[in-house]
Amino acid sequence: MYAVIKSGGRQYKVTEGQVVRVNLLKAEPGQEIVLGDVLLVSEGGEARCGRPTLEGASIKAQVLNHARDKKIRVFKKKRRQGYHKAQGHRQDYTALKILAIEA
């Protein structure tokens, strides 16, 4: 059984027991949260798709921790102009453990 959820403008395919990293959520580590934006639920060979979300479907998850991802380098350059600019970015995320998929 798996589900497709939406969190922070991104879509994630999740199963029970999986640890998934989503954009930063306002929740304390150890707290259980309910994610209500369920787009699709698949049980066995049958899939139910929402328009845009499934009514009555939810995902129970536990917040494991908050952290920051690896640094990425952003480098901009315009050739023959002497222009270059280097930046770095670290994305904040929340690690969630999926406890149950309720369809």
C-alpha atoms as a PDB file:
ATOM      1  CA  MET A   1       0.000   0.000   0.000  1.00  0.00           C
ATOM      2  CA  TYR A   2       1.339   3.429  -0.913  1.00  0.00           C
ATOM      3  CA  ALA A   3       0.078   6.982  -1.193  1.00  0.00           C
ATOM      4  CA  VAL A   4       1.064  10.163  -2.992  1.00  0.00           C
ATOM      5  CA  ILE A   5       0.926  13.243  -0.765  1.00  0.00           C
ATOM      6  CA  LYS A   6       1.527  16.937  -1.304  1.00  0.00           C
ATOM      7  CA  SER A   7       3.581  18.925   1.175  1.00  0.00           C
ATOM      8  CA  GLY A   8       5.282  22.256   0.633  1.00  0.00           C
ATOM      9  CA  GLY A   9       4.396  22.380  -3.066  1.00  0.00           C
ATOM     10  CA  ARG A  10       6.059  19.016  -3.780  1.00  0.00           C
ATOM     11  CA  GLN A  11       4.646  15.530  -4.207  1.00  0.00           C
ATOM     12  CA  TYR A  12       5.993  12.473  -2.380  1.00  0.00           C
ATOM     13  CA  LYS A  13       5.269   8.768  -2.797  1.00  0.00           C
ATOM     14  CA  VAL A  14       5.149   7.246   0.707  1.00  0.00           C
ATOM     15  CA  THR A  15       4.606   3.836   2.295  1.00  0.00           C
ATOM     16  CA  GLU A  16       4.083   2.853   5.939  1.00  0.00           C
ATOM     17  CA  GLY A  17       7.312   2.822   7.936  1.00  0.00           C
ATOM     18  CA  GLN A  18       9.186   4.983   5.428  1.00  0.00           C
ATOM     19  CA  VAL A  19      11.240   8.008   6.500  1.00  0.00           C
ATOM     20  CA  VAL A  20      10.732  10.944   4.135  1.00  0.00           C
ATOM     21  CA  ARG A  21      12.263  14.441   4.144  1.00  0.00           C
ATOM     22  CA  VAL A  22       9.824  17.266   3.371  1.00  0.00           C
ATOM     23  CA  ASN A  23      10.138  21.043   3.460  1.00  0.00           C
ATOM     24  CA  LEU A  24      10.295  22.518   6.956  1.00  0.00           C
ATOM     25  CA  LEU A  25       7.071  22.092   8.969  1.00  0.00           C
ATOM     26  CA  LYS A  26       6.072  23.900  12.163  1.00  0.00           C
ATOM     27  CA  ALA A  27       6.007  20.912  14.510  1.00  0.00           C
ATOM     28  CA  GLU A  28       8.119  19.723  17.417  1.00  0.00           C
ATOM     29  CA  PRO A  29      10.324  16.603  17.153  1.00  0.00           C
ATOM     30  CA  GLY A  30       8.466  13.587  18.531  1.00  0.00           C
ATOM     31  CA  GLN A  31       5.057  15.081  17.756  1.00  0.00           C
ATOM     32  CA  GLU A  32       2.556  13.164  15.629  1.00  0.00           C
ATOM     33  CA  ILE A  33       0.968  15.097  12.769  1.00  0.00           C
ATOM     34  CA  VAL A  34      -1.742  14.369  10.217  1.00  0.00           C
ATOM     35  CA  LEU A  35      -1.152  15.197   6.552  1.00  0.00           C
ATOM     36  CA  GLY A  36      -4.447  15.760   4.753  1.00  0.00           C
ATOM     37  CA  ASP A  37      -3.358  16.500   1.173  1.00  0.00           C
ATOM     38  CA  VAL A  38      -3.534  12.931  -0.153  1.00  0.00           C
ATOM     39  CA  LEU A  39      -3.603  12.838  -3.958  1.00  0.00           C
ATOM     40  CA  LEU A  40      -3.623   9.071  -4.568  1.00  0.00           C
ATOM     41  CA  VAL A  41      -3.919   5.852  -2.556  1.00  0.00           C
ATOM     42  CA  SER A  42      -3.069   2.427  -3.958  1.00  0.00           C
ATOM     43  CA  GLU A  43      -4.098  -0.797  -2.195  1.00  0.00           C
ATOM     44  CA  GLY A  44      -3.087  -4.021  -3.898  1.00  0.00           C
ATOM     45  CA  GLY A  45      -3.690  -3.447  -7.608  1.00  0.00           C
ATOM     46  CA  GLU A  46      -6.402  -0.821  -7.183  1.00  0.00           C
ATOM     47  CA  ALA A  47      -5.610   2.896  -7.112  1.00  0.00           C
ATOM     48  CA  ARG A  48      -7.949   5.690  -6.070  1.00  0.00           C
ATOM     49  CA  CYS A  49      -7.153   9.148  -7.370  1.00  0.00           C
ATOM     50  CA  GLY A  50      -8.511  12.407  -5.963  1.00  0.00           C
ATOM     51  CA  ARG A  51      -9.622  15.523  -7.792  1.00  0.00           C
ATOM     52  CA  PRO A  52      -7.445  17.197  -6.549  1.00  0.00           C
ATOM     53  CA  THR A  53      -7.382  15.391  -3.153  1.00  0.00           C
ATOM     54  CA  LEU A  54      -9.105  12.314  -1.746  1.00  0.00           C
ATOM     55  CA  GLU A  55     -11.912  13.039   0.706  1.00  0.00           C
ATOM     56  CA  GLY A  56     -11.439  11.359   4.089  1.00  0.00           C
ATOM     57  CA  ALA A  57      -7.918  10.118   3.367  1.00  0.00           C
ATOM     58  CA  SER A  58      -5.067  11.122   5.649  1.00  0.00           C
ATOM     59  CA  ILE A  59      -1.522  10.175   6.573  1.00  0.00           C
ATOM     60  CA  LYS A  60      -0.311   9.894  10.166  1.00  0.00           C
ATOM     61  CA  ALA A  61       3.362  10.750  10.591  1.00  0.00           C
ATOM     62  CA  GLN A  62       5.805  11.351  13.413  1.00  0.00           C
ATOM     63  CA  VAL A  63       8.294  14.217  13.284  1.00  0.00           C
ATOM     64  CA  LEU A  64      11.789  12.801  13.778  1.00  0.00           C
ATOM     65  CA  ASN A  65      13.929  15.946  13.524  1.00  0.00           C
ATOM     66  CA  HIS A  66      14.589  19.237  11.765  1.00  0.00           C
ATOM     67  CA  ALA A  67      17.861  19.728   9.910  1.00  0.00           C
ATOM     68  CA  ARG A  68      19.535  21.387   6.938  1.00  0.00           C
ATOM     69  CA  ASP A  69      20.455  19.679   3.683  1.00  0.00           C
ATOM     70  CA  LYS A  70      23.882  19.677   2.031  1.00  0.00           C
ATOM     71  CA  LYS A  71      25.086  22.968   0.603  1.00  0.00           C
ATOM     72  CA  ILE A  72      24.617  23.499  -3.105  1.00  0.00           C
ATOM     73  CA  ARG A  73      26.668  25.988  -5.076  1.00  0.00           C
ATOM     74  CA  VAL A  74      24.939  28.502  -7.332  1.00  0.00           C
ATOM     75  CA  PHE A  75      27.294  30.065  -9.875  1.00  0.00           C
ATOM     76  CA  LYS A  76      26.199  32.694 -12.372  1.00  0.00           C
ATOM     77  CA  LYS A  77      28.398  33.949 -15.189  1.00  0.00           C
ATOM     78  CA  LYS A  78      28.033  36.081 -18.298  1.00  0.00           C
ATOM     79  CA  ARG A  79      30.690  35.327 -20.809  1.00  0.00           C
ATOM     80  CA  ARG A  80      33.036  38.074 -21.991  1.00  0.00           C
ATOM     81  CA  GLN A  81      31.499  40.556 -19.524  1.00  0.00           C
ATOM     82  CA  GLY A  82      33.700  39.946 -16.504  1.00  0.00           C
ATOM     83  CA  TYR A  83      30.611  39.111 -14.468  1.00  0.00           C
ATOM     84  CA  HIS A  84      30.453  36.161 -12.129  1.00  0.00           C
ATOM     85  CA  LYS A  85      28.640  35.569  -8.869  1.00  0.00           C
ATOM     86  CA  ALA A  86      28.881  32.581  -6.512  1.00  0.00           C
ATOM     87  CA  GLN A  87      26.331  31.767  -3.830  1.00  0.00           C
ATOM     88  CA  GLY A  88      25.541  28.819  -1.598  1.00  0.00           C
ATOM     89  CA  HIS A  89      22.203  27.513  -0.368  1.00  0.00           C
ATOM     90  CA  ARG A  90      21.170  25.029   2.338  1.00  0.00           C
ATOM     91  CA  GLN A  91      17.545  23.922   2.387  1.00  0.00           C
ATOM     92  CA  ASP A  92      15.789  23.355   5.731  1.00  0.00           C
ATOM     93  CA  TYR A  93      13.839  20.098   5.996  1.00  0.00           C
ATOM     94  CA  THR A  94      11.781  18.004   8.397  1.00  0.00           C
ATOM     95  CA  ALA A  95      12.268  14.236   8.601  1.00  0.00           C
ATOM     96  CA  LEU A  96       8.954  12.374   8.952  1.00  0.00           C
ATOM     97  CA  LYS A  97       8.308   8.702   9.698  1.00  0.00           C
ATOM     98  CA  ILE A  98       5.063   7.529   8.099  1.00  0.00           C
ATOM     99  CA  LEU A  99       3.045   5.657  10.727  1.00  0.00           C
ATOM    100  CA  ALA A 100      -0.235   4.909   8.949  1.00  0.00           C
ATOM    101  CA  ILE A 101      -2.074   5.494   5.690  1.00  0.00           C
ATOM    102  CA  GLU A 102      -5.784   5.916   6.342  1.00  0.00           C
ATOM    103  CA  ALA A 103      -7.933   5.669   3.249  1.00  0.00           C
END
